[in-house]
């Protein structure tokens, strides 16, 4: 028709308003936006990981973090309540070491050691968190579940 700018073939002519986007094009646009956002998130996590990649586990020799002496003097602090395995006890305890990847359920916030220095552990920074795993204290990278440091038989 007349001066509305519509092309008689159903398209849009010069100067026409584009109030609608074809459904297929809208889906493609949304998909591209999701992919860009996922790329940005992956880059952000990689930068954070690179910034905190090197955990300095020389703290074991630092007298400020003498957790054994602290445990000998204040043992009641290390007598933690019963540990509840997120998958039940049929799976059982495993002695994890540095580099192992733990499932997300094992390092959820309910397992975090909120005051590491109260136990004479160094502060965790960036993506790292101290978590309790049975009687052990594990330092976990919460972005990927990797065990970064371990103190075995920490709790009683």
C-alpha atoms as a PDB file:
ATOM      1  CA  UNK A   1       0.000   0.000   0.000  1.00  0.00           C
ATOM      2  CA  UNK A   2       0.392   3.719   0.060  1.00  0.00           C
ATOM      3  CA  UNK A   3       3.045   5.663   1.986  1.00  0.00           C
ATOM      4  CA  UNK A   4       3.617   3.191   4.850  1.00  0.00           C
ATOM      5  CA  UNK A   5       6.931   2.035   3.367  1.00  0.00           C
ATOM      6  CA  UNK A   6       5.868  -1.587   3.094  1.00  0.00           C
ATOM      7  CA  UNK A   7       7.143  -3.484   0.102  1.00  0.00           C
ATOM      8  CA  UNK A   8       4.278  -5.181  -1.800  1.00  0.00           C
ATOM      9  CA  UNK A   9       6.236  -8.463  -1.543  1.00  0.00           C
ATOM     10  CA  UNK A  10       5.877  -8.389   2.276  1.00  0.00           C
ATOM     11  CA  UNK A  11       9.311  -6.986   3.077  1.00  0.00           C
ATOM     12  CA  UNK A  12      10.317  -3.500   4.140  1.00  0.00           C
ATOM     13  CA  UNK A  13      11.218  -0.708   1.781  1.00  0.00           C
ATOM     14  CA  UNK A  14      13.475   2.260   2.403  1.00  0.00           C
ATOM     15  CA  UNK A  15      12.444   4.258   5.467  1.00  0.00           C
ATOM     16  CA  UNK A  16      10.118   1.591   6.819  1.00  0.00           C
ATOM     17  CA  UNK A  17       9.959   0.909  10.558  1.00  0.00           C
ATOM     18  CA  UNK A  18      11.276  -2.408  11.738  1.00  0.00           C
ATOM     19  CA  UNK A  19       9.059  -3.108  14.716  1.00  0.00           C
ATOM     20  CA  UNK A  20       9.419  -6.823  14.336  1.00  0.00           C
ATOM     21  CA  UNK A  21      12.358  -9.076  13.753  1.00  0.00           C
ATOM     22  CA  UNK A  22      11.830 -12.340  12.000  1.00  0.00           C
ATOM     23  CA  UNK A  23      11.655 -15.170  14.573  1.00  0.00           C
ATOM     24  CA  UNK A  24      14.629 -17.055  13.111  1.00  0.00           C
ATOM     25  CA  UNK A  25      16.793 -13.939  13.168  1.00  0.00           C
ATOM     26  CA  UNK A  26      15.756 -13.177  16.755  1.00  0.00           C
ATOM     27  CA  UNK A  27      16.741 -16.693  17.847  1.00  0.00           C
ATOM     28  CA  UNK A  28      20.105 -16.337  16.099  1.00  0.00           C
ATOM     29  CA  UNK A  29      20.637 -12.954  17.765  1.00  0.00           C
ATOM     30  CA  UNK A  30      19.848 -14.391  21.197  1.00  0.00           C
ATOM     31  CA  UNK A  31      22.147 -17.356  20.569  1.00  0.00           C
ATOM     32  CA  UNK A  32      25.018 -15.030  19.597  1.00  0.00           C
ATOM     33  CA  UNK A  33      24.402 -12.937  22.723  1.00  0.00           C
ATOM     34  CA  UNK A  34      24.479 -16.073  24.916  1.00  0.00           C
ATOM     35  CA  UNK A  35      27.714 -17.238  23.276  1.00  0.00           C
ATOM     36  CA  UNK A  36      29.338 -13.821  23.769  1.00  0.00           C
ATOM     37  CA  UNK A  37      28.285 -13.775  27.420  1.00  0.00           C
ATOM     38  CA  UNK A  38      29.645 -17.307  27.927  1.00  0.00           C
ATOM     39  CA  UNK A  39      32.961 -16.263  26.333  1.00  0.00           C
ATOM     40  CA  UNK A  40      33.179 -13.191  28.566  1.00  0.00           C
ATOM     41  CA  UNK A  41      32.439 -15.300  31.660  1.00  0.00           C
ATOM     42  CA  UNK A  42      35.081 -17.874  30.658  1.00  0.00           C
ATOM     43  CA  UNK A  43      37.637 -15.095  30.106  1.00  0.00           C
ATOM     44  CA  UNK A  44      36.755 -13.547  33.495  1.00  0.00           C
ATOM     45  CA  UNK A  45      37.229 -16.879  35.245  1.00  0.00           C
ATOM     46  CA  UNK A  46      40.485 -17.533  33.413  1.00  0.00           C
ATOM     47  CA  UNK A  47      41.819 -14.115  34.494  1.00  0.00           C
ATOM     48  CA  UNK A  48      40.788 -14.804  38.095  1.00  0.00           C
ATOM     49  CA  UNK A  49      42.378 -18.245  37.933  1.00  0.00           C
ATOM     50  CA  UNK A  50      45.591 -16.834  36.450  1.00  0.00           C
ATOM     51  CA  UNK A  51      45.737 -14.150  39.156  1.00  0.00           C
ATOM     52  CA  UNK A  52      45.491 -16.739  41.927  1.00  0.00           C
ATOM     53  CA  UNK A  53      47.074 -19.696  40.196  1.00  0.00           C
ATOM     54  CA  UNK A  54      49.988 -19.974  42.562  1.00  0.00           C
ATOM     55  CA  UNK A  55      49.077 -20.825  46.107  1.00  0.00           C
ATOM     56  CA  UNK A  56      52.145 -20.473  48.278  1.00  0.00           C
ATOM     57  CA  UNK A  57      52.144 -23.592  50.444  1.00  0.00           C
ATOM     58  CA  UNK A  58      55.360 -22.583  52.183  1.00  0.00           C
ATOM     59  CA  UNK A  59      53.025 -21.480  54.992  1.00  0.00           C
ATOM     60  CA  UNK A  60      53.521 -24.924  56.544  1.00  0.00           C
ATOM     61  CA  UNK A  61      56.906 -23.751  57.846  1.00  0.00           C
ATOM     62  CA  UNK A  62      55.650 -20.368  59.095  1.00  0.00           C
ATOM     63  CA  UNK A  63      55.299 -20.197  62.898  1.00  0.00           C
ATOM     64  CA  UNK A  64      52.229 -17.963  62.610  1.00  0.00           C
ATOM     65  CA  UNK A  65      50.378 -20.964  61.250  1.00  0.00           C
ATOM     66  CA  UNK A  66      51.450 -23.527  63.853  1.00  0.00           C
ATOM     67  CA  UNK A  67      48.112 -25.320  63.904  1.00  0.00           C
ATOM     68  CA  UNK A  68      49.542 -28.379  65.677  1.00  0.00           C
ATOM     69  CA  UNK A  69      50.749 -26.323  68.646  1.00  0.00           C
ATOM     70  CA  UNK A  70      47.464 -24.428  68.646  1.00  0.00           C
ATOM     71  CA  UNK A  71      45.562 -27.716  68.603  1.00  0.00           C
ATOM     72  CA  UNK A  72      47.654 -29.045  71.498  1.00  0.00           C
ATOM     73  CA  UNK A  73      46.815 -25.958  73.591  1.00  0.00           C
ATOM     74  CA  UNK A  74      43.195 -25.456  72.462  1.00  0.00           C
ATOM     75  CA  UNK A  75      42.087 -28.922  71.402  1.00  0.00           C
ATOM     76  CA  UNK A  76      38.418 -28.209  72.063  1.00  0.00           C
ATOM     77  CA  UNK A  77      38.380 -25.892  69.018  1.00  0.00           C
ATOM     78  CA  UNK A  78      39.397 -28.801  66.783  1.00  0.00           C
ATOM     79  CA  UNK A  79      36.738 -31.170  68.120  1.00  0.00           C
ATOM     80  CA  UNK A  80      34.296 -30.515  65.332  1.00  0.00           C
ATOM     81  CA  UNK A  81      30.793 -31.976  65.242  1.00  0.00           C
ATOM     82  CA  UNK A  82      30.156 -35.102  63.223  1.00  0.00           C
ATOM     83  CA  UNK A  83      30.929 -34.710  59.523  1.00  0.00           C
ATOM     84  CA  UNK A  84      28.042 -35.398  57.155  1.00  0.00           C
ATOM     85  CA  UNK A  85      29.107 -36.688  53.764  1.00  0.00           C
ATOM     86  CA  UNK A  86      26.854 -35.158  51.090  1.00  0.00           C
ATOM     87  CA  UNK A  87      26.412 -38.587  49.467  1.00  0.00           C
ATOM     88  CA  UNK A  88      26.126 -40.665  52.627  1.00  0.00           C
ATOM     89  CA  UNK A  89      28.722 -42.896  54.196  1.00  0.00           C
ATOM     90  CA  UNK A  90      28.521 -45.779  51.738  1.00  0.00           C
ATOM     91  CA  UNK A  91      31.112 -44.039  49.547  1.00  0.00           C
ATOM     92  CA  UNK A  92      33.446 -43.529  52.499  1.00  0.00           C
ATOM     93  CA  UNK A  93      36.508 -41.434  53.257  1.00  0.00           C
ATOM     94  CA  UNK A  94      39.238 -41.071  50.667  1.00  0.00           C
ATOM     95  CA  UNK A  95      42.562 -39.429  51.317  1.00  0.00           C
ATOM     96  CA  UNK A  96      42.636 -36.703  48.662  1.00  0.00           C
ATOM     97  CA  UNK A  97      45.849 -35.051  47.613  1.00  0.00           C
ATOM     98  CA  UNK A  98      46.803 -31.857  45.817  1.00  0.00           C
ATOM     99  CA  UNK A  99      45.512 -31.746  42.241  1.00  0.00           C
ATOM    100  CA  UNK A 100      42.477 -33.958  42.774  1.00  0.00           C
ATOM    101  CA  UNK A 101      39.118 -32.531  41.696  1.00  0.00           C
ATOM    102  CA  UNK A 102      36.353 -32.701  44.240  1.00  0.00           C
ATOM    103  CA  UNK A 103      32.654 -32.697  43.397  1.00  0.00           C
ATOM    104  CA  UNK A 104      30.825 -29.408  44.032  1.00  0.00           C
ATOM    105  CA  UNK A 105      28.758 -30.918  46.861  1.00  0.00           C
ATOM    106  CA  UNK A 106      31.924 -31.411  48.920  1.00  0.00           C
ATOM    107  CA  UNK A 107      32.960 -27.769  48.918  1.00  0.00           C
ATOM    108  CA  UNK A 108      29.633 -26.005  49.268  1.00  0.00           C
ATOM    109  CA  UNK A 109      29.362 -23.156  51.729  1.00  0.00           C
ATOM    110  CA  UNK A 110      28.174 -25.439  54.539  1.00  0.00           C
ATOM    111  CA  UNK A 111      31.654 -27.055  54.536  1.00  0.00           C
ATOM    112  CA  UNK A 112      33.689 -23.826  54.502  1.00  0.00           C
ATOM    113  CA  UNK A 113      35.970 -23.096  57.436  1.00  0.00           C
ATOM    114  CA  UNK A 114      34.765 -19.567  58.138  1.00  0.00           C
ATOM    115  CA  UNK A 115      37.675 -18.412  60.324  1.00  0.00           C
ATOM    116  CA  UNK A 116      40.839 -20.108  59.048  1.00  0.00           C
ATOM    117  CA  UNK A 117      43.143 -18.132  61.322  1.00  0.00           C
ATOM    118  CA  UNK A 118      41.149 -19.282  64.348  1.00  0.00           C
ATOM    119  CA  UNK A 119      42.613 -22.691  63.495  1.00  0.00           C
ATOM    120  CA  UNK A 120      45.970 -21.169  62.517  1.00  0.00           C
ATOM    121  CA  UNK A 121      45.440 -21.715  58.809  1.00  0.00           C
ATOM    122  CA  UNK A 122      46.439 -18.963  56.356  1.00  0.00           C
ATOM    123  CA  UNK A 123      43.671 -16.824  54.902  1.00  0.00           C
ATOM    124  CA  UNK A 124      42.197 -18.088  51.652  1.00  0.00           C
ATOM    125  CA  UNK A 125      41.974 -15.493  48.890  1.00  0.00           C
ATOM    126  CA  UNK A 126      40.494 -15.213  45.425  1.00  0.00           C
ATOM    127  CA  UNK A 127      38.761 -18.421  44.345  1.00  0.00           C
ATOM    128  CA  UNK A 128      40.154 -20.448  47.264  1.00  0.00           C
ATOM    129  CA  UNK A 129      38.280 -21.670  50.332  1.00  0.00           C
ATOM    130  CA  UNK A 130      39.305 -23.869  53.225  1.00  0.00           C
ATOM    131  CA  UNK A 131      36.773 -26.660  53.628  1.00  0.00           C
ATOM    132  CA  UNK A 132      36.328 -29.498  56.026  1.00  0.00           C
ATOM    133  CA  UNK A 133      36.374 -32.991  54.559  1.00  0.00           C
ATOM    134  CA  UNK A 134      35.909 -35.561  57.330  1.00  0.00           C
ATOM    135  CA  UNK A 135      38.868 -34.795  59.657  1.00  0.00           C
ATOM    136  CA  UNK A 136      40.953 -33.065  56.981  1.00  0.00           C
ATOM    137  CA  UNK A 137      41.179 -29.403  55.989  1.00  0.00           C
ATOM    138  CA  UNK A 138      41.341 -28.959  52.216  1.00  0.00           C
ATOM    139  CA  UNK A 139      42.023 -25.757  50.335  1.00  0.00           C
ATOM    140  CA  UNK A 140      39.774 -25.847  47.276  1.00  0.00           C
ATOM    141  CA  UNK A 141      39.613 -23.686  44.166  1.00  0.00           C
ATOM    142  CA  UNK A 142      35.848 -23.186  44.093  1.00  0.00           C
ATOM    143  CA  UNK A 143      35.856 -22.427  40.347  1.00  0.00           C
ATOM    144  CA  UNK A 144      36.912 -25.936  39.384  1.00  0.00           C
ATOM    145  CA  UNK A 145      36.965 -28.047  42.569  1.00  0.00           C
ATOM    146  CA  UNK A 146      40.710 -28.678  42.457  1.00  0.00           C
ATOM    147  CA  UNK A 147      42.452 -29.402  45.755  1.00  0.00           C
ATOM    148  CA  UNK A 148      45.220 -26.831  46.174  1.00  0.00           C
ATOM    149  CA  UNK A 149      46.484 -27.702  49.657  1.00  0.00           C
ATOM    150  CA  UNK A 150      45.738 -30.357  52.293  1.00  0.00           C
ATOM    151  CA  UNK A 151      46.138 -30.744  56.039  1.00  0.00           C
ATOM    152  CA  UNK A 152      45.395 -34.342  57.007  1.00  0.00           C
ATOM    153  CA  UNK A 153      43.953 -35.308  60.408  1.00  0.00           C
ATOM    154  CA  UNK A 154      43.302 -31.674  61.226  1.00  0.00           C
ATOM    155  CA  UNK A 155      40.103 -32.089  63.237  1.00  0.00           C
ATOM    156  CA  UNK A 156      39.540 -34.609  66.037  1.00  0.00           C
END
